[in-house]
Amino acid sequence: MGFNKELSKKIALETMGTDSGPADTQGIEIKSPGKMYWFTVKGKSFDELTPITTTQLYDPDGELETYIIQAENNSLKEKIINKADDNVTVKVIARCINWFGTEFLWLP
């Protein structure tokens, strides 16, 4: 089984909450708010954040990269996790905005 385009669209809709056309060409940066003086997380509770399963693998250049594990069913997801030697981390996608109005994603 390869990349599931329909599942990806569904997750994008659930994450963004709307299907208002093509994404902004600039995109949303993923970063840590560690050096920001003030920021807010969108949502009213932890339950509103989107959980994701990630693993770290080496890319063709030998650099360690973080990948999101996305599968249509749990048995396939378990096979992928086993292939990654159970080297997985569950994170959440937190949509944040800093005091300048710049939106970013945080994966705490």
C-alpha atoms as a PDB file:
ATOM      1  CA  MET A   1       0.000   0.000   0.000  1.00  0.00           C
ATOM      2  CA  GLY A   2       1.357   3.395  -0.959  1.00  0.00           C
ATOM      3  CA  PHE A   3       0.439   6.948  -0.068  1.00  0.00           C
ATOM      4  CA  ASN A   4      -3.298   7.381   0.469  1.00  0.00           C
ATOM      5  CA  LYS A   5      -4.289  10.698  -1.106  1.00  0.00           C
ATOM      6  CA  GLU A   6      -7.911  10.580   0.141  1.00  0.00           C
ATOM      7  CA  LEU A   7      -6.835   9.915   3.764  1.00  0.00           C
ATOM      8  CA  SER A   8      -4.378  12.791   3.479  1.00  0.00           C
ATOM      9  CA  LYS A   9      -7.165  15.128   2.295  1.00  0.00           C
ATOM     10  CA  LYS A  10      -9.383  13.977   5.188  1.00  0.00           C
ATOM     11  CA  ILE A  11      -6.648  14.697   7.731  1.00  0.00           C
ATOM     12  CA  ALA A  12      -5.971  18.090   6.143  1.00  0.00           C
ATOM     13  CA  LEU A  13      -9.668  18.950   6.401  1.00  0.00           C
ATOM     14  CA  GLU A  14      -9.844  17.793  10.026  1.00  0.00           C
ATOM     15  CA  THR A  15      -6.694  19.735  10.917  1.00  0.00           C
ATOM     16  CA  MET A  16      -7.601  22.933   9.112  1.00  0.00           C
ATOM     17  CA  GLY A  17     -11.343  22.658   9.743  1.00  0.00           C
ATOM     18  CA  THR A  18     -12.330  23.829   6.279  1.00  0.00           C
ATOM     19  CA  ASP A  19     -11.946  23.180   2.585  1.00  0.00           C
ATOM     20  CA  SER A  20     -11.523  26.796   1.549  1.00  0.00           C
ATOM     21  CA  GLY A  21      -9.420  26.176  -1.513  1.00  0.00           C
ATOM     22  CA  PRO A  22      -5.717  25.601  -2.140  1.00  0.00           C
ATOM     23  CA  ALA A  23      -3.209  26.119   0.634  1.00  0.00           C
ATOM     24  CA  ASP A  24      -1.219  29.313   0.985  1.00  0.00           C
ATOM     25  CA  THR A  25       1.995  29.057  -1.037  1.00  0.00           C
ATOM     26  CA  GLN A  26       3.980  30.319   1.935  1.00  0.00           C
ATOM     27  CA  GLY A  27       2.837  27.466   4.187  1.00  0.00           C
ATOM     28  CA  ILE A  28       3.014  27.305   7.961  1.00  0.00           C
ATOM     29  CA  GLU A  29       6.388  26.906   9.599  1.00  0.00           C
ATOM     30  CA  ILE A  30       6.998  24.179  12.191  1.00  0.00           C
ATOM     31  CA  LYS A  31       8.980  25.570  15.090  1.00  0.00           C
ATOM     32  CA  SER A  32       9.325  25.616  18.843  1.00  0.00           C
ATOM     33  CA  PRO A  33       8.017  28.587  20.831  1.00  0.00           C
ATOM     34  CA  GLY A  34      10.985  28.370  23.237  1.00  0.00           C
ATOM     35  CA  LYS A  35      12.365  31.874  22.522  1.00  0.00           C
ATOM     36  CA  MET A  36       9.002  33.562  21.985  1.00  0.00           C
ATOM     37  CA  TYR A  37       7.807  35.858  24.727  1.00  0.00           C
ATOM     38  CA  TRP A  38       4.114  35.291  24.138  1.00  0.00           C
ATOM     39  CA  PHE A  39       2.038  32.924  22.015  1.00  0.00           C
ATOM     40  CA  THR A  40      -1.341  31.190  22.120  1.00  0.00           C
ATOM     41  CA  VAL A  41      -2.421  27.703  21.082  1.00  0.00           C
ATOM     42  CA  LYS A  42      -5.626  27.467  19.065  1.00  0.00           C
ATOM     43  CA  GLY A  43      -8.247  25.310  20.727  1.00  0.00           C
ATOM     44  CA  LYS A  44      -9.812  25.253  24.150  1.00  0.00           C
ATOM     45  CA  SER A  45      -8.522  21.903  25.431  1.00  0.00           C
ATOM     46  CA  PHE A  46      -5.838  19.283  24.847  1.00  0.00           C
ATOM     47  CA  ASP A  47      -8.491  17.056  23.262  1.00  0.00           C
ATOM     48  CA  GLU A  48      -8.813  19.503  20.351  1.00  0.00           C
ATOM     49  CA  LEU A  49      -5.190  18.920  19.300  1.00  0.00           C
ATOM     50  CA  THR A  50      -4.417  16.365  16.570  1.00  0.00           C
ATOM     51  CA  PRO A  51      -2.288  13.406  17.745  1.00  0.00           C
ATOM     52  CA  ILE A  52       0.337  12.054  15.325  1.00  0.00           C
ATOM     53  CA  THR A  53       2.798   9.170  15.460  1.00  0.00           C
ATOM     54  CA  THR A  54       6.331   9.967  14.278  1.00  0.00           C
ATOM     55  CA  THR A  55       9.609   8.142  13.780  1.00  0.00           C
ATOM     56  CA  GLN A  56      13.103   9.259  12.895  1.00  0.00           C
ATOM     57  CA  LEU A  57      14.828   7.718   9.873  1.00  0.00           C
ATOM     58  CA  TYR A  58      17.895   8.591   7.847  1.00  0.00           C
ATOM     59  CA  ASP A  59      17.258  10.210   4.476  1.00  0.00           C
ATOM     60  CA  PRO A  60      19.351   9.365   1.364  1.00  0.00           C
ATOM     61  CA  ASP A  61      21.883  12.069   2.349  1.00  0.00           C
ATOM     62  CA  GLY A  62      22.438  10.457   5.765  1.00  0.00           C
ATOM     63  CA  GLU A  63      20.560  13.178   7.678  1.00  0.00           C
ATOM     64  CA  LEU A  64      18.193  12.123  10.464  1.00  0.00           C
ATOM     65  CA  GLU A  65      14.657  13.251   9.577  1.00  0.00           C
ATOM     66  CA  THR A  66      11.341  13.011  11.429  1.00  0.00           C
ATOM     67  CA  TYR A  67       8.524  11.329   9.521  1.00  0.00           C
ATOM     68  CA  ILE A  68       4.819  11.110  10.330  1.00  0.00           C
ATOM     69  CA  ILE A  69       3.426   7.554  10.289  1.00  0.00           C
ATOM     70  CA  GLN A  70       0.042   7.592   8.580  1.00  0.00           C
ATOM     71  CA  ALA A  71      -1.832   4.395   7.718  1.00  0.00           C
ATOM     72  CA  GLU A  72      -5.361   3.534   6.691  1.00  0.00           C
ATOM     73  CA  ASN A  73      -5.765   0.768   9.278  1.00  0.00           C
ATOM     74  CA  ASN A  74      -4.169  -0.157  12.604  1.00  0.00           C
ATOM     75  CA  SER A  75      -2.594  -3.425  11.413  1.00  0.00           C
ATOM     76  CA  LEU A  76      -0.664  -1.620   8.685  1.00  0.00           C
ATOM     77  CA  LYS A  77       0.348   1.089  11.160  1.00  0.00           C
ATOM     78  CA  GLU A  78       1.631  -1.605  13.567  1.00  0.00           C
ATOM     79  CA  LYS A  79       3.692  -3.183  10.747  1.00  0.00           C
ATOM     80  CA  ILE A  80       5.281   0.201  10.003  1.00  0.00           C
ATOM     81  CA  ILE A  81       6.025   0.750  13.696  1.00  0.00           C
ATOM     82  CA  ASN A  82       7.618  -2.712  13.914  1.00  0.00           C
ATOM     83  CA  LYS A  83       9.789  -1.951  10.852  1.00  0.00           C
ATOM     84  CA  ALA A  84      10.924   1.209  12.661  1.00  0.00           C
ATOM     85  CA  ASP A  85      12.034  -1.013  15.592  1.00  0.00           C
ATOM     86  CA  ASP A  86       9.390   0.604  17.834  1.00  0.00           C
ATOM     87  CA  ASN A  87      11.378   3.860  17.624  1.00  0.00           C
ATOM     88  CA  VAL A  88       8.235   5.997  17.570  1.00  0.00           C
ATOM     89  CA  THR A  89       6.977   9.040  19.406  1.00  0.00           C
ATOM     90  CA  VAL A  90       3.389  10.216  19.777  1.00  0.00           C
ATOM     91  CA  LYS A  91       3.136  13.982  19.436  1.00  0.00           C
ATOM     92  CA  VAL A  92       0.355  16.467  18.855  1.00  0.00           C
ATOM     93  CA  ILE A  93       0.060  19.181  16.247  1.00  0.00           C
ATOM     94  CA  ALA A  94      -0.557  22.457  18.061  1.00  0.00           C
ATOM     95  CA  ARG A  95      -1.610  25.410  15.892  1.00  0.00           C
ATOM     96  CA  CYS A  96      -0.068  28.465  17.544  1.00  0.00           C
ATOM     97  CA  ILE A  97       0.086  32.187  16.893  1.00  0.00           C
ATOM     98  CA  ASN A  98       2.723  34.557  18.271  1.00  0.00           C
ATOM     99  CA  TRP A  99       2.234  38.137  19.414  1.00  0.00           C
ATOM    100  CA  PHE A 100       3.051  39.418  15.893  1.00  0.00           C
ATOM    101  CA  GLY A 101       0.148  37.419  14.436  1.00  0.00           C
ATOM    102  CA  THR A 102       2.364  34.831  12.741  1.00  0.00           C
ATOM    103  CA  GLU A 103       0.864  31.348  12.768  1.00  0.00           C
ATOM    104  CA  PHE A 104       3.110  28.312  13.255  1.00  0.00           C
ATOM    105  CA  LEU A 105       2.838  24.635  14.106  1.00  0.00           C
ATOM    106  CA  TRP A 106       4.408  23.224  17.255  1.00  0.00           C
ATOM    107  CA  LEU A 107       5.003  19.507  17.781  1.00  0.00           C
ATOM    108  CA  PRO A 108       5.506  19.305  21.574  1.00  0.00           C
END
